[in-house]
Amino acid sequence: LSLEMIGQASEPLRNSQLMPLIINYFSGDSITTYLLAALVTWLFQSSIAAVLLMATLAGRGLITPELGVVLVLGVNLGSSLIAPMLTRSAPPEVRIVPVGNLLMRGLGSLIMLVLIMTFKPDVGFLGRSAPDQIVNAHILFNVMI
């Protein structure tokens, strides 16, 4: 149901003349893409919502799987920021796990971004379709972490 709703909401983007320009820019600027995905995820307060949005956009042909993988890494950075921000006024012992999560997922996503930018791997092994590749990239990253 949520994929259907996201798909319907993103339908006007398909016919947008501006969308290809935006996608082309982000396809060539992985760092900005990564940071934008982190911001969107933090605003959504949900990595699943952000990943579903990316998968829907890929399924509609608006983004490539390669761009989607960079976005997934940004999603993981953004979601790792949520708990430390929510517990910022909590006692230090309460913040250990959220900060540990930030260090593992945040730094892990940054390291993976550098590796992807350096080696530009083929993401075809992640699945048959672009949405599958994006969702599987998210799952694989979190299993690795």
C-alpha atoms as a PDB file:
ATOM      1  CA  LEU A   1       0.000   0.000   0.000  1.00  0.00           C
ATOM      2  CA  SER A   2       2.767   2.458   0.906  1.00  0.00           C
ATOM      3  CA  LEU A   3       4.602   1.731  -2.361  1.00  0.00           C
ATOM      4  CA  GLU A   4       1.385   2.414  -4.254  1.00  0.00           C
ATOM      5  CA  MET A   5       0.866   5.711  -2.438  1.00  0.00           C
ATOM      6  CA  ILE A   6       4.476   6.797  -2.971  1.00  0.00           C
ATOM      7  CA  GLY A   7       4.169   5.827  -6.624  1.00  0.00           C
ATOM      8  CA  GLN A   8       1.048   7.913  -7.071  1.00  0.00           C
ATOM      9  CA  ALA A   9       2.602  10.871  -5.289  1.00  0.00           C
ATOM     10  CA  SER A  10       5.728  10.705  -7.459  1.00  0.00           C
ATOM     11  CA  GLU A  11       3.841  10.332 -10.762  1.00  0.00           C
ATOM     12  CA  PRO A  12       3.973  14.069 -11.625  1.00  0.00           C
ATOM     13  CA  LEU A  13       7.769  13.871 -11.429  1.00  0.00           C
ATOM     14  CA  ARG A  14       7.767  11.527 -14.413  1.00  0.00           C
ATOM     15  CA  ASN A  15       6.523  14.231 -16.740  1.00  0.00           C
ATOM     16  CA  SER A  16       8.604  17.017 -15.237  1.00  0.00           C
ATOM     17  CA  GLN A  17      11.089  18.704 -17.550  1.00  0.00           C
ATOM     18  CA  LEU A  18      13.197  19.689 -14.560  1.00  0.00           C
ATOM     19  CA  MET A  19      13.517  16.174 -13.138  1.00  0.00           C
ATOM     20  CA  PRO A  20      16.046  14.863 -15.716  1.00  0.00           C
ATOM     21  CA  LEU A  21      18.283  17.873 -15.041  1.00  0.00           C
ATOM     22  CA  ILE A  22      18.150  17.265 -11.298  1.00  0.00           C
ATOM     23  CA  ILE A  23      18.821  13.538 -11.686  1.00  0.00           C
ATOM     24  CA  ASN A  24      21.743  14.185 -14.051  1.00  0.00           C
ATOM     25  CA  TYR A  25      23.260  16.583 -11.537  1.00  0.00           C
ATOM     26  CA  PHE A  26      22.908  14.157  -8.648  1.00  0.00           C
ATOM     27  CA  SER A  27      24.228  11.279 -10.761  1.00  0.00           C
ATOM     28  CA  GLY A  28      27.464  13.231 -11.158  1.00  0.00           C
ATOM     29  CA  ASP A  29      27.769  14.454  -7.564  1.00  0.00           C
ATOM     30  CA  SER A  30      27.751  11.528  -5.167  1.00  0.00           C
ATOM     31  CA  ILE A  31      28.642  13.579  -2.094  1.00  0.00           C
ATOM     32  CA  THR A  32      25.722  15.987  -2.503  1.00  0.00           C
ATOM     33  CA  THR A  33      23.428  13.049  -3.264  1.00  0.00           C
ATOM     34  CA  TYR A  34      24.615  11.245  -0.119  1.00  0.00           C
ATOM     35  CA  LEU A  35      24.055  14.312   2.055  1.00  0.00           C
ATOM     36  CA  LEU A  36      20.645  15.063   0.520  1.00  0.00           C
ATOM     37  CA  ALA A  37      19.485  11.490   1.190  1.00  0.00           C
ATOM     38  CA  ALA A  38      20.682  11.836   4.794  1.00  0.00           C
ATOM     39  CA  LEU A  39      18.696  15.054   5.182  1.00  0.00           C
ATOM     40  CA  VAL A  40      15.548  13.575   3.624  1.00  0.00           C
ATOM     41  CA  THR A  41      15.784  10.538   5.905  1.00  0.00           C
ATOM     42  CA  TRP A  42      16.268  12.699   8.968  1.00  0.00           C
ATOM     43  CA  LEU A  43      13.230  14.767   7.944  1.00  0.00           C
ATOM     44  CA  PHE A  44      11.160  11.598   7.340  1.00  0.00           C
ATOM     45  CA  GLN A  45      12.453  10.160  10.637  1.00  0.00           C
ATOM     46  CA  SER A  46      12.385   6.786   8.867  1.00  0.00           C
ATOM     47  CA  SER A  47      14.930   4.940   6.759  1.00  0.00           C
ATOM     48  CA  ILE A  48      12.249   2.572   5.476  1.00  0.00           C
ATOM     49  CA  ALA A  49      10.151   5.450   4.120  1.00  0.00           C
ATOM     50  CA  ALA A  50      13.221   6.896   2.398  1.00  0.00           C
ATOM     51  CA  VAL A  51      14.292   3.536   0.923  1.00  0.00           C
ATOM     52  CA  LEU A  52      10.743   2.884  -0.326  1.00  0.00           C
ATOM     53  CA  LEU A  53      10.726   6.318  -1.946  1.00  0.00           C
ATOM     54  CA  MET A  54      14.062   5.570  -3.687  1.00  0.00           C
ATOM     55  CA  ALA A  55      12.834   2.141  -4.821  1.00  0.00           C
ATOM     56  CA  THR A  56       9.623   3.660  -6.176  1.00  0.00           C
ATOM     57  CA  LEU A  57      11.518   6.354  -8.062  1.00  0.00           C
ATOM     58  CA  ALA A  58      13.801   3.681  -9.527  1.00  0.00           C
ATOM     59  CA  GLY A  59      10.833   1.499 -10.451  1.00  0.00           C
ATOM     60  CA  ARG A  60       9.336   4.404 -12.368  1.00  0.00           C
ATOM     61  CA  GLY A  61      12.626   4.969 -14.191  1.00  0.00           C
ATOM     62  CA  LEU A  62      13.375   8.279 -12.490  1.00  0.00           C
ATOM     63  CA  ILE A  63      16.678   7.210 -10.911  1.00  0.00           C
ATOM     64  CA  THR A  64      19.290   4.613 -11.810  1.00  0.00           C
ATOM     65  CA  PRO A  65      20.226   1.756  -9.484  1.00  0.00           C
ATOM     66  CA  GLU A  66      23.723   3.252  -9.135  1.00  0.00           C
ATOM     67  CA  LEU A  67      22.273   6.541  -7.947  1.00  0.00           C
ATOM     68  CA  GLY A  68      19.909   4.590  -5.716  1.00  0.00           C
ATOM     69  CA  VAL A  69      22.809   2.831  -3.982  1.00  0.00           C
ATOM     70  CA  VAL A  70      24.447   6.185  -3.184  1.00  0.00           C
ATOM     71  CA  LEU A  71      21.090   7.398  -1.888  1.00  0.00           C
ATOM     72  CA  VAL A  72      20.786   4.271   0.289  1.00  0.00           C
ATOM     73  CA  LEU A  73      24.131   5.071   1.890  1.00  0.00           C
ATOM     74  CA  GLY A  74      22.887   8.580   2.631  1.00  0.00           C
ATOM     75  CA  VAL A  75      19.691   7.107   4.047  1.00  0.00           C
ATOM     76  CA  ASN A  76      21.780   5.102   6.494  1.00  0.00           C
ATOM     77  CA  LEU A  77      23.705   8.191   7.552  1.00  0.00           C
ATOM     78  CA  GLY A  78      20.445  10.083   8.059  1.00  0.00           C
ATOM     79  CA  SER A  79      18.818   7.325  10.067  1.00  0.00           C
ATOM     80  CA  SER A  80      21.905   7.008  12.255  1.00  0.00           C
ATOM     81  CA  LEU A  81      21.532  10.691  13.190  1.00  0.00           C
ATOM     82  CA  ILE A  82      17.949  10.390  14.455  1.00  0.00           C
ATOM     83  CA  ALA A  83      18.532   8.675  17.825  1.00  0.00           C
ATOM     84  CA  PRO A  84      21.513  10.832  18.890  1.00  0.00           C
ATOM     85  CA  MET A  85      19.496  13.952  18.082  1.00  0.00           C
ATOM     86  CA  LEU A  86      16.492  12.688  20.065  1.00  0.00           C
ATOM     87  CA  THR A  87      18.662  11.774  23.072  1.00  0.00           C
ATOM     88  CA  ARG A  88      20.921  14.834  23.003  1.00  0.00           C
ATOM     89  CA  SER A  89      19.751  15.996  26.440  1.00  0.00           C
ATOM     90  CA  ALA A  90      19.753  12.501  27.976  1.00  0.00           C
ATOM     91  CA  PRO A  91      22.414  11.342  30.437  1.00  0.00           C
ATOM     92  CA  PRO A  92      25.633  10.001  28.841  1.00  0.00           C
ATOM     93  CA  GLU A  93      24.866   6.375  29.721  1.00  0.00           C
ATOM     94  CA  VAL A  94      21.606   6.607  27.739  1.00  0.00           C
ATOM     95  CA  ARG A  95      23.440   7.993  24.706  1.00  0.00           C
ATOM     96  CA  ILE A  96      25.988   5.159  24.386  1.00  0.00           C
ATOM     97  CA  VAL A  97      23.916   2.991  22.035  1.00  0.00           C
ATOM     98  CA  PRO A  98      22.625   5.838  19.802  1.00  0.00           C
ATOM     99  CA  VAL A  99      26.123   7.291  19.442  1.00  0.00           C
ATOM    100  CA  GLY A 100      27.554   3.815  18.801  1.00  0.00           C
ATOM    101  CA  ASN A 101      24.946   3.330  16.072  1.00  0.00           C
ATOM    102  CA  LEU A 102      25.903   6.693  14.578  1.00  0.00           C
ATOM    103  CA  LEU A 103      29.568   5.735  14.551  1.00  0.00           C
ATOM    104  CA  MET A 104      28.968   2.299  13.012  1.00  0.00           C
ATOM    105  CA  ARG A 105      26.335   3.178  10.416  1.00  0.00           C
ATOM    106  CA  GLY A 106      27.441   6.749   9.776  1.00  0.00           C
ATOM    107  CA  LEU A 107      31.117   5.943   9.321  1.00  0.00           C
ATOM    108  CA  GLY A 108      30.276   2.675   7.575  1.00  0.00           C
ATOM    109  CA  SER A 109      28.144   4.495   5.021  1.00  0.00           C
ATOM    110  CA  LEU A 110      30.874   7.084   4.474  1.00  0.00           C
ATOM    111  CA  ILE A 111      33.492   4.377   3.918  1.00  0.00           C
ATOM    112  CA  MET A 112      31.180   2.580   1.474  1.00  0.00           C
ATOM    113  CA  LEU A 113      30.535   5.855  -0.358  1.00  0.00           C
ATOM    114  CA  VAL A 114      34.274   6.381  -0.824  1.00  0.00           C
ATOM    115  CA  LEU A 115      34.661   2.793  -2.058  1.00  0.00           C
ATOM    116  CA  ILE A 116      31.764   3.151  -4.507  1.00  0.00           C
ATOM    117  CA  MET A 117      33.075   6.475  -5.801  1.00  0.00           C
ATOM    118  CA  THR A 118      36.536   4.968  -6.234  1.00  0.00           C
ATOM    119  CA  PHE A 119      35.724   1.592  -7.784  1.00  0.00           C
ATOM    120  CA  LYS A 120      32.284   2.248  -9.368  1.00  0.00           C
ATOM    121  CA  PRO A 121      31.107  -1.364  -9.036  1.00  0.00           C
ATOM    122  CA  ASP A 122      28.338  -2.873 -11.133  1.00  0.00           C
ATOM    123  CA  VAL A 123      25.240  -3.174  -8.940  1.00  0.00           C
ATOM    124  CA  GLY A 124      23.536  -5.756 -11.146  1.00  0.00           C
ATOM    125  CA  PHE A 125      24.324  -8.536  -8.673  1.00  0.00           C
ATOM    126  CA  LEU A 126      21.927  -6.919  -6.181  1.00  0.00           C
ATOM    127  CA  GLY A 127      18.804  -7.936  -8.089  1.00  0.00           C
ATOM    128  CA  ARG A 128      16.975  -8.124 -11.396  1.00  0.00           C
ATOM    129  CA  SER A 129      15.142  -4.817 -11.203  1.00  0.00           C
ATOM    130  CA  ALA A 130      16.177  -1.355 -10.061  1.00  0.00           C
ATOM    131  CA  PRO A 131      13.842  -1.361  -7.019  1.00  0.00           C
ATOM    132  CA  ASP A 132      15.176  -4.787  -5.976  1.00  0.00           C
ATOM    133  CA  GLN A 133      18.742  -3.543  -6.301  1.00  0.00           C
ATOM    134  CA  ILE A 134      18.049  -0.540  -4.097  1.00  0.00           C
ATOM    135  CA  VAL A 135      16.219  -2.499  -1.390  1.00  0.00           C
ATOM    136  CA  ASN A 136      18.857  -5.244  -1.467  1.00  0.00           C
ATOM    137  CA  ALA A 137      21.643  -2.648  -1.208  1.00  0.00           C
ATOM    138  CA  HIS A 138      19.984  -1.347   1.952  1.00  0.00           C
ATOM    139  CA  ILE A 139      19.655  -4.848   3.386  1.00  0.00           C
ATOM    140  CA  LEU A 140      23.219  -5.816   2.431  1.00  0.00           C
ATOM    141  CA  PHE A 141      24.696  -2.677   3.967  1.00  0.00           C
ATOM    142  CA  ASN A 142      22.857  -3.253   7.243  1.00  0.00           C
ATOM    143  CA  VAL A 143      23.836  -6.932   7.342  1.00  0.00           C
ATOM    144  CA  MET A 144      27.473  -5.939   6.806  1.00  0.00           C
ATOM    145  CA  ILE A 145      27.295  -3.381   9.607  1.00  0.00           C
END
